[in-house]
């Protein structure tokens, strides 16, 4: 029996800052090339050389404006901003890679299924079957207002709509049979019209006649990613997701999420291995553990306390400069906020015995140490039944990814925990075969 191997996926932003809002201030953080194609081509090559399954771009459809009642702090302090549309960047990365999966974050709340299906099918064809769709229902009023709505709908309504949008997209992706192309010059038949059909999808929230003008793709549909942590979000993930990323505070919380999601899949008739569950981490590496701790201390010194509060305000959906307890937060959130982020702060508060306000000001945990020490921690999570692999997000970009790929990946490979070569031609095949 072959050894079980972990999966690795990179979390990216089209900008210099991810979940650590002080990392852009590091002298080795690249700031000069945010708008240069070479930036994105380089990181794609680095990740593929290390045999990562995929990368995906996290996205927000606007400027976070919850903290302090406006977007000023987010701009001034270097918040997590999408300076470019990832759908424009991903084709650049596809051109310089052959195996790396490529993911886009797209909202079912704002975008029509025909548009979603058409865009993702086009990219899946052009990449030879390497696309992933990070399905979000969105979680902020600012995004809703940018799309002409008064505010974000309630969570259950967003997920009800999302179910229909995914159903409609699948119907559109399947509107062409695999053998529709004839291309018979002598007979004068290019496509057999009997192999293409209308979808005629109509639900409560969306409808689309179809078919797509785009033929069936190598994967038929992109790999479906999701990160919902609420009860309704977990049901959605159990029904549709092939890759779930989560942000637990510790291993016990990761195991609880893992067991819950795998159990929920059964009621949708899905085997547990059909979905890979992956907690997210960043790393700080050093030649020794002591050096790594010094590097970590320096990185943390670049973190403005208000910047960390600003990040959590955006994730939790309420202004944490005003709301300092869990009770006032819940009252202020309304329909906003990401459940997984709220859960992580609450887990931190309980486990460390600190106040909600103190927990909300703490940055997300990092793995700190030598390549061997970090590999030990990843192996512990993986072999303890906490995950199927990991989402790796950057601190200092691109240095952190370069170091992880050069130092940690070979250590995981030496232990037989990670692939040395890609096993399949498509992203779905690589997720299945590791």
Protein backbone atom coordinates (compact mmCIF):
# COMPACT_ATOMS: atom_id res chain seq x y z
CA UNK A 1 0.00 0.00 0.00
CA UNK A 2 1.47 3.35 -1.03
CA UNK A 3 2.11 6.00 1.60
CA UNK A 4 -0.48 8.73 1.92
CA UNK A 5 0.90 12.06 0.70
CA UNK A 6 -0.11 15.61 1.55
CA UNK A 7 -1.23 18.32 -0.85
CA UNK A 8 0.08 21.90 -0.98
CA UNK A 9 -1.74 24.94 -2.33
CA UNK A 10 -0.48 28.54 -2.28
CA UNK A 11 -2.67 31.44 -1.19
CA UNK A 12 -1.87 34.57 -3.22
CA UNK A 13 -2.96 38.18 -3.53
CA UNK A 14 -2.42 40.64 -6.37
CA UNK A 15 -0.53 42.92 -4.03
CA UNK A 16 2.28 42.91 -1.46
CA UNK A 17 0.25 41.96 1.62
CA UNK A 18 -1.65 38.82 2.61
CA UNK A 19 -2.74 37.96 6.16
CA UNK A 20 0.23 39.67 7.87
CA UNK A 21 -0.34 43.40 7.32
CA UNK A 22 3.19 44.34 8.37
CA UNK A 23 5.10 42.02 6.03
CA UNK A 24 5.20 44.55 3.18
CA UNK A 25 7.45 46.73 5.35
CA UNK A 26 10.18 44.06 5.43
CA UNK A 27 13.24 45.19 3.43
CA UNK A 28 13.10 41.99 1.34
CA UNK A 29 9.43 42.33 0.39
CA UNK A 30 9.09 43.08 -3.32
CA UNK A 31 7.06 46.27 -3.87
CA UNK A 32 8.40 47.47 -7.21
CA UNK A 33 6.72 44.85 -9.39
CA UNK A 34 3.10 44.66 -8.19
CA UNK A 35 1.92 45.55 -11.70
CA UNK A 36 4.59 43.62 -13.59
CA UNK A 37 3.69 40.32 -15.30
CA UNK A 38 7.08 38.95 -14.26
CA UNK A 39 6.05 38.98 -10.59
CA UNK A 40 3.27 36.49 -11.17
CA UNK A 41 5.18 34.43 -13.71
CA UNK A 42 8.04 34.05 -11.24
CA UNK A 43 5.91 32.78 -8.36
CA UNK A 44 4.13 30.34 -10.70
CA UNK A 45 7.48 28.87 -11.74
CA UNK A 46 8.65 28.63 -8.12
CA UNK A 47 5.52 26.78 -7.04
CA UNK A 48 5.52 24.41 -10.00
CA UNK A 49 9.20 23.57 -9.54
CA UNK A 50 8.29 22.55 -5.97
CA UNK A 51 5.36 20.45 -7.27
CA UNK A 52 2.61 22.41 -5.49
CA UNK A 53 -0.82 21.18 -6.47
CA UNK A 54 -2.09 24.67 -7.14
CA UNK A 55 -2.21 28.32 -6.23
CA UNK A 56 -5.26 30.53 -5.95
CA UNK A 57 -5.93 34.21 -5.54
CA UNK A 58 -7.97 35.36 -2.59
CA UNK A 59 -10.05 38.36 -3.56
CA UNK A 60 -12.27 41.14 -2.23
CA UNK A 61 -14.45 43.04 -4.66
CA UNK A 62 -13.65 46.47 -3.30
CA UNK A 63 -11.69 48.28 -0.58
CA UNK A 64 -12.30 47.16 3.00
CA UNK A 65 -13.99 50.08 4.76
CA UNK A 66 -15.30 48.68 8.04
CA UNK A 67 -12.46 49.66 10.37
CA UNK A 68 -12.67 53.27 11.45
CA UNK A 69 -15.71 53.82 9.26
CA UNK A 70 -13.80 54.12 5.99
CA UNK A 71 -11.05 52.73 3.79
CA UNK A 72 -8.36 55.17 4.94
CA UNK A 73 -6.65 52.83 7.40
CA UNK A 74 -6.69 49.99 4.89
CA UNK A 75 -4.86 52.12 2.32
CA UNK A 76 -2.46 53.79 4.73
CA UNK A 77 -1.44 50.65 6.63
CA UNK A 78 -1.20 48.26 3.70
CA UNK A 79 -4.29 46.12 4.02
CA UNK A 80 -5.06 43.03 1.99
CA UNK A 81 -5.99 44.74 -1.28
CA UNK A 82 -6.54 43.21 -4.70
CA UNK A 83 -4.76 45.67 -6.95
CA UNK A 84 -5.43 43.59 -10.07
CA UNK A 85 -8.20 41.31 -11.25
CA UNK A 86 -6.85 37.76 -10.78
CA UNK A 87 -8.67 36.62 -13.93
CA UNK A 88 -6.26 38.82 -15.89
CA UNK A 89 -3.20 37.56 -14.00
CA UNK A 90 -3.91 33.80 -14.13
CA UNK A 91 -3.38 33.45 -17.91
CA UNK A 92 0.10 34.96 -17.49
CA UNK A 93 0.90 32.25 -14.96
CA UNK A 94 -0.61 29.55 -17.15
CA UNK A 95 1.73 30.41 -20.01
CA UNK A 96 4.87 29.68 -18.00
CA UNK A 97 3.65 26.45 -16.34
CA UNK A 98 2.36 23.06 -17.44
CA UNK A 99 1.10 21.37 -14.26
CA UNK A 100 0.35 23.96 -11.57
CA UNK A 101 -3.35 24.35 -10.76
CA UNK A 102 -4.69 27.91 -10.95
CA UNK A 103 -7.59 29.17 -8.87
CA UNK A 104 -9.82 32.23 -8.95
CA UNK A 105 -12.14 33.52 -6.23
CA UNK A 106 -15.56 34.35 -7.70
CA UNK A 107 -18.80 35.19 -5.91
CA UNK A 108 -22.10 33.38 -6.41
CA UNK A 109 -23.91 36.31 -4.78
CA UNK A 110 -22.99 38.86 -7.42
CA UNK A 111 -22.16 36.94 -10.60
CA UNK A 112 -24.56 35.13 -12.92
CA UNK A 113 -23.92 31.43 -13.57
CA UNK A 114 -23.60 31.93 -17.33
CA UNK A 115 -20.81 34.45 -16.83
CA UNK A 116 -19.10 32.23 -14.25
CA UNK A 117 -19.38 29.09 -16.37
CA UNK A 118 -18.16 30.83 -19.52
CA UNK A 119 -15.11 32.41 -17.85
CA UNK A 120 -14.02 29.31 -15.97
CA UNK A 121 -14.57 26.98 -18.94
CA UNK A 122 -12.47 29.25 -21.15
CA UNK A 123 -9.62 29.17 -18.67
CA UNK A 124 -9.91 25.43 -18.10
CA UNK A 125 -9.60 24.84 -21.84
CA UNK A 126 -6.64 27.18 -22.24
CA UNK A 127 -4.79 25.65 -19.26
CA UNK A 128 -5.43 22.04 -20.25
CA UNK A 129 -7.60 21.33 -17.23
CA UNK A 130 -5.86 23.19 -14.41
CA UNK A 131 -8.52 25.61 -13.17
CA UNK A 132 -10.07 25.81 -9.71
CA UNK A 133 -12.99 27.95 -8.59
CA UNK A 134 -12.82 29.23 -5.02
CA UNK A 135 -16.55 29.62 -4.45
CA UNK A 136 -17.47 32.47 -2.13
CA UNK A 137 -20.86 33.88 -1.19
CA UNK A 138 -19.12 37.13 -0.11
CA UNK A 139 -19.48 38.59 3.34
CA UNK A 140 -19.42 42.41 3.27
CA UNK A 141 -21.88 45.18 2.57
CA UNK A 142 -19.21 47.10 0.68
CA UNK A 143 -19.04 44.37 -1.97
CA UNK A 144 -22.81 44.23 -2.22
CA UNK A 145 -23.01 47.99 -2.74
CA UNK A 146 -20.36 47.80 -5.45
CA UNK A 147 -22.71 45.44 -7.29
CA UNK A 148 -25.78 47.65 -6.86
CA UNK A 149 -27.29 46.05 -3.76
CA UNK A 150 -28.17 47.79 -0.51
CA UNK A 151 -26.34 45.22 1.59
CA UNK A 152 -25.23 41.63 1.75
CA UNK A 153 -28.11 39.13 2.07
CA UNK A 154 -28.42 36.81 5.06
CA UNK A 155 -26.01 33.85 5.14
CA UNK A 156 -28.62 31.13 4.54
CA UNK A 157 -30.04 33.03 1.58
CA UNK A 158 -26.55 33.46 0.12
CA UNK A 159 -25.89 29.73 0.37
CA UNK A 160 -29.30 28.83 -1.05
CA UNK A 161 -28.47 30.97 -4.06
CA UNK A 162 -24.97 29.49 -4.22
CA UNK A 163 -26.39 25.97 -4.45
CA UNK A 164 -28.44 27.03 -7.47
CA UNK A 165 -25.56 28.88 -9.10
CA UNK A 166 -23.31 25.83 -8.86
CA UNK A 167 -26.09 23.56 -10.17
CA UNK A 168 -26.64 25.91 -13.11
CA UNK A 169 -22.89 26.14 -13.85
CA UNK A 170 -22.57 22.35 -13.89
CA UNK A 171 -25.54 22.09 -16.26
CA UNK A 172 -23.87 24.62 -18.56
CA UNK A 173 -20.49 22.86 -18.42
CA UNK A 174 -22.22 19.61 -19.35
CA UNK A 175 -24.24 21.10 -22.21
CA UNK A 176 -21.67 19.83 -24.72
CA UNK A 177 -20.86 16.14 -25.10
CA UNK A 178 -17.21 15.21 -25.31
CA UNK A 179 -17.41 14.08 -28.95
CA UNK A 180 -19.36 17.06 -30.31
CA UNK A 181 -16.52 18.16 -32.62
CA UNK A 182 -16.59 16.40 -35.98
CA UNK A 183 -14.44 18.71 -38.15
CA UNK A 184 -15.19 16.68 -41.27
CA UNK A 185 -14.03 18.87 -44.15
CA UNK A 186 -15.41 16.61 -46.88
CA UNK A 187 -18.85 16.23 -45.34
CA UNK A 188 -18.92 19.90 -44.37
CA UNK A 189 -19.80 19.16 -40.73
CA UNK A 190 -17.87 21.06 -38.09
CA UNK A 191 -19.87 20.22 -34.92
CA UNK A 192 -22.64 17.65 -34.50
CA UNK A 193 -25.56 19.74 -33.19
CA UNK A 194 -27.16 16.65 -31.64
CA UNK A 195 -24.28 16.61 -29.15
CA UNK A 196 -25.10 20.07 -27.79
CA UNK A 197 -28.21 20.80 -25.73
CA UNK A 198 -30.00 23.59 -23.90
CA UNK A 199 -29.65 23.57 -20.13
CA UNK A 200 -33.00 25.23 -19.38
CA UNK A 201 -32.08 25.66 -15.72
CA UNK A 202 -34.59 27.56 -13.62
CA UNK A 203 -34.50 27.87 -9.85
CA UNK A 204 -35.72 30.33 -7.28
CA UNK A 205 -32.70 32.60 -7.62
CA UNK A 206 -31.23 32.09 -11.07
CA UNK A 207 -32.14 30.77 -14.48
CA UNK A 208 -30.22 30.25 -17.69
CA UNK A 209 -31.21 28.70 -20.99
CA UNK A 210 -27.76 27.75 -22.26
CA UNK A 211 -25.97 26.08 -23.84
CA UNK A 212 -22.50 27.54 -23.52
CA UNK A 213 -20.73 28.44 -26.73
CA UNK A 214 -17.70 26.74 -25.17
CA UNK A 215 -17.16 22.99 -25.56
CA UNK A 216 -16.57 20.50 -22.78
CA UNK A 217 -13.25 21.11 -21.03
CA UNK A 218 -10.57 18.61 -19.93
CA UNK A 219 -11.96 18.57 -16.37
CA UNK A 220 -15.59 19.12 -17.49
CA UNK A 221 -15.81 21.50 -14.55
CA UNK A 222 -13.07 23.25 -12.56
CA UNK A 223 -12.03 21.92 -9.18
CA UNK A 224 -14.45 23.43 -6.65
CA UNK A 225 -12.87 25.09 -3.61
CA UNK A 226 -14.67 26.49 -0.60
CA UNK A 227 -13.95 27.88 2.86
CA UNK A 228 -17.32 28.15 4.59
CA UNK A 229 -17.15 27.41 8.33
CA UNK A 230 -20.69 28.10 9.48
CA UNK A 231 -23.09 25.17 9.78
CA UNK A 232 -24.71 26.13 6.47
CA UNK A 233 -21.31 26.72 4.90
CA UNK A 234 -20.09 23.29 5.96
CA UNK A 235 -23.13 21.64 4.42
CA UNK A 236 -22.40 23.51 1.19
CA UNK A 237 -18.78 22.34 1.31
CA UNK A 238 -19.82 18.75 2.04
CA UNK A 239 -22.09 18.81 -1.02
CA UNK A 240 -19.81 20.50 -3.56
CA UNK A 241 -16.23 21.14 -2.45
CA UNK A 242 -13.26 19.13 -3.63
CA UNK A 243 -10.87 21.28 -1.62
CA UNK A 244 -11.70 23.11 1.61
CA UNK A 245 -9.34 25.56 3.27
CA UNK A 246 -9.84 26.48 6.89
CA UNK A 247 -8.17 28.63 9.55
CA UNK A 248 -8.31 26.76 12.88
CA UNK A 249 -6.37 28.12 15.84
CA UNK A 250 -4.79 24.78 16.75
CA UNK A 251 -4.59 21.09 15.92
CA UNK A 252 -7.55 20.06 18.06
CA UNK A 253 -9.76 22.56 16.26
CA UNK A 254 -8.43 21.33 12.90
CA UNK A 255 -9.27 17.72 13.79
CA UNK A 256 -12.79 18.75 14.80
CA UNK A 257 -13.34 20.54 11.48
CA UNK A 258 -11.86 17.61 9.54
CA UNK A 259 -14.04 15.00 11.23
CA UNK A 260 -17.18 17.10 10.94
CA UNK A 261 -16.78 17.82 7.22
CA UNK A 262 -15.88 14.24 6.32
CA UNK A 263 -18.95 12.99 8.22
CA UNK A 264 -21.25 15.49 6.51
CA UNK A 265 -20.18 14.31 3.07
CA UNK A 266 -21.90 10.95 3.58
CA UNK A 267 -25.38 12.47 3.51
CA UNK A 268 -24.62 13.84 0.06
CA UNK A 269 -23.44 10.43 -1.14
CA UNK A 270 -19.79 11.47 -1.38
CA UNK A 271 -16.82 9.40 -0.19
CA UNK A 272 -14.59 11.16 2.38
CA UNK A 273 -11.58 11.27 0.06
CA UNK A 274 -13.52 13.27 -2.56
CA UNK A 275 -12.69 16.45 -0.64
CA UNK A 276 -9.26 17.54 0.60
CA UNK A 277 -9.35 19.59 3.80
CA UNK A 278 -6.41 21.95 4.25
CA UNK A 279 -5.68 24.37 7.12
CA UNK A 280 -3.66 27.48 6.27
CA UNK A 281 -0.21 28.41 7.55
CA UNK A 282 2.65 30.79 6.88
CA UNK A 283 6.20 30.09 7.98
CA UNK A 284 9.28 31.86 9.27
CA UNK A 285 12.42 29.84 8.52
CA UNK A 286 15.91 30.11 9.94
CA UNK A 287 19.19 28.19 9.89
CA UNK A 288 18.52 27.36 13.54
CA UNK A 289 15.37 27.57 15.63
CA UNK A 290 16.88 30.50 17.52
CA UNK A 291 17.59 32.40 14.31
CA UNK A 292 14.05 31.68 13.12
CA UNK A 293 12.66 33.10 16.37
CA UNK A 294 14.76 36.26 15.88
CA UNK A 295 13.39 36.61 12.34
CA UNK A 296 9.87 36.10 13.68
CA UNK A 297 10.38 38.79 16.33
CA UNK A 298 11.60 41.21 13.68
CA UNK A 299 8.64 40.45 11.42
CA UNK A 300 6.23 41.04 14.30
CA UNK A 301 7.94 44.35 15.08
CA UNK A 302 6.77 45.59 11.67
CA UNK A 303 3.15 45.00 12.59
CA UNK A 304 1.23 48.13 13.52
CA UNK A 305 -1.33 47.13 16.23
CA UNK A 306 -4.02 49.06 14.40
CA UNK A 307 -3.23 47.20 11.18
CA UNK A 308 -3.92 43.84 12.82
CA UNK A 309 -7.17 45.16 14.27
CA UNK A 310 -8.06 46.51 10.84
CA UNK A 311 -7.53 43.07 9.26
CA UNK A 312 -9.78 41.42 11.81
CA UNK A 313 -12.42 44.14 11.39
CA UNK A 314 -12.65 43.23 7.72
CA UNK A 315 -12.75 39.49 8.39
CA UNK A 316 -15.20 39.62 11.29
CA UNK A 317 -17.48 42.18 9.67
CA UNK A 318 -17.54 44.81 12.42
CA UNK A 319 -15.36 47.75 13.47
CA UNK A 320 -13.14 46.36 16.23
CA UNK A 321 -11.98 49.84 17.16
CA UNK A 322 -15.50 50.26 18.57
CA UNK A 323 -16.66 46.75 19.43
CA UNK A 324 -14.40 45.14 22.02
CA UNK A 325 -16.45 42.17 23.25
CA UNK A 326 -17.89 39.10 21.55
CA UNK A 327 -21.39 40.23 22.45
CA UNK A 328 -21.15 43.69 20.90
CA UNK A 329 -19.40 42.16 17.87
CA UNK A 330 -22.29 39.78 17.25
CA UNK A 331 -24.77 42.63 17.47
CA UNK A 332 -22.75 44.77 15.06
CA UNK A 333 -22.01 42.12 12.44
CA UNK A 334 -25.47 41.87 10.94
CA UNK A 335 -25.10 39.64 7.87
CA UNK A 336 -21.40 40.47 7.53
CA UNK A 337 -18.33 38.55 8.63
CA UNK A 338 -16.54 35.30 7.82
CA UNK A 339 -17.50 32.54 10.24
CA UNK A 340 -14.10 30.82 10.10
CA UNK A 341 -12.32 34.01 11.12
CA UNK A 342 -14.76 34.64 13.95
CA UNK A 343 -14.32 31.04 15.12
CA UNK A 344 -10.53 31.35 15.09
CA UNK A 345 -10.57 34.46 17.32
CA UNK A 346 -13.01 32.77 19.71
CA UNK A 347 -10.85 29.62 19.83
CA UNK A 348 -7.80 31.74 20.63
CA UNK A 349 -9.69 33.58 23.36
CA UNK A 350 -10.78 30.32 25.02
CA UNK A 351 -7.51 28.43 24.71
CA UNK A 352 -5.28 31.24 25.98
CA UNK A 353 -7.73 32.55 28.57
CA UNK A 354 -7.60 36.09 27.22
CA UNK A 355 -10.29 38.65 26.46
CA UNK A 356 -11.97 38.95 23.09
CA UNK A 357 -10.29 42.33 22.55
CA UNK A 358 -6.86 40.81 23.23
CA UNK A 359 -7.54 37.86 20.91
CA UNK A 360 -8.71 40.19 18.12
CA UNK A 361 -5.41 42.09 18.26
CA UNK A 362 -3.26 38.97 17.90
CA UNK A 363 -1.94 38.06 14.46
CA UNK A 364 -2.63 34.68 12.91
CA UNK A 365 -0.19 32.03 14.12
CA UNK A 366 2.91 31.21 12.08
CA UNK A 367 5.10 28.11 12.01
CA UNK A 368 8.58 29.18 13.14
CA UNK A 369 11.82 27.19 13.02
CA UNK A 370 14.24 25.37 10.79
CA UNK A 371 13.00 23.51 7.73
CA UNK A 372 13.09 20.31 9.78
CA UNK A 373 11.16 21.87 12.68
CA UNK A 374 8.46 23.22 10.35
CA UNK A 375 8.26 19.88 8.53
CA UNK A 376 7.81 18.19 11.93
CA UNK A 377 4.81 20.42 12.66
CA UNK A 378 3.25 19.84 9.25
CA UNK A 379 3.81 16.09 9.56
CA UNK A 380 2.21 16.09 13.01
CA UNK A 381 -0.97 17.75 11.70
CA UNK A 382 -1.06 15.48 8.66
CA UNK A 383 -0.51 12.18 10.46
CA UNK A 384 -2.84 13.09 13.37
CA UNK A 385 -5.93 13.17 11.16
CA UNK A 386 -6.18 16.95 11.11
CA UNK A 387 -5.88 17.51 7.35
CA UNK A 388 -5.09 16.28 3.86
CA UNK A 389 -2.52 18.98 3.23
CA UNK A 390 -1.97 22.70 3.67
CA UNK A 391 -2.73 26.12 2.27
CA UNK A 392 0.49 28.14 2.47
CA UNK A 393 0.07 31.92 2.59
CA UNK A 394 2.92 34.43 2.30
CA UNK A 395 4.45 36.83 4.75
CA UNK A 396 7.44 38.39 2.97
CA UNK A 397 6.74 37.95 -0.75
CA UNK A 398 8.20 36.21 -2.69
CA UNK A 399 10.99 35.26 -0.26
CA UNK A 400 8.85 33.15 2.04
CA UNK A 401 7.60 30.96 -0.81
CA UNK A 402 11.10 30.66 -2.25
CA UNK A 403 12.46 29.50 1.12
CA UNK A 404 9.56 27.11 1.74
CA UNK A 405 9.98 25.53 -1.69
CA UNK A 406 13.78 25.32 -1.43
CA UNK A 407 13.98 24.06 2.17
CA UNK A 408 10.72 22.61 3.51
CA UNK A 409 9.45 20.82 0.41
CA UNK A 410 12.64 18.71 0.00
CA UNK A 411 12.41 17.75 3.67
CA UNK A 412 8.81 16.60 3.19
CA UNK A 413 9.86 14.70 0.08
CA UNK A 414 12.69 12.94 1.97
CA UNK A 415 10.08 11.74 4.47
CA UNK A 416 7.86 10.42 1.69
CA UNK A 417 5.12 12.90 2.63
CA UNK A 418 5.01 14.89 -0.60
CA UNK A 419 5.28 14.10 -4.30
CA UNK A 420 8.47 14.43 -6.31
CA UNK A 421 6.64 14.51 -9.64
CA UNK A 422 3.14 15.34 -10.76
CA UNK A 423 0.97 12.25 -11.18
CA UNK A 424 -1.72 13.59 -13.50
CA UNK A 425 -2.39 15.97 -16.34
CA UNK A 426 -5.21 17.93 -14.69
CA UNK A 427 -5.54 19.55 -11.27
CA UNK A 428 -8.30 17.11 -10.31
CA UNK A 429 -6.07 14.16 -11.18
CA UNK A 430 -3.22 15.54 -9.08
CA UNK A 431 -5.52 16.07 -6.12
CA UNK A 432 -6.74 12.49 -6.45
CA UNK A 433 -3.39 10.81 -7.00
CA UNK A 434 -0.78 12.91 -5.09
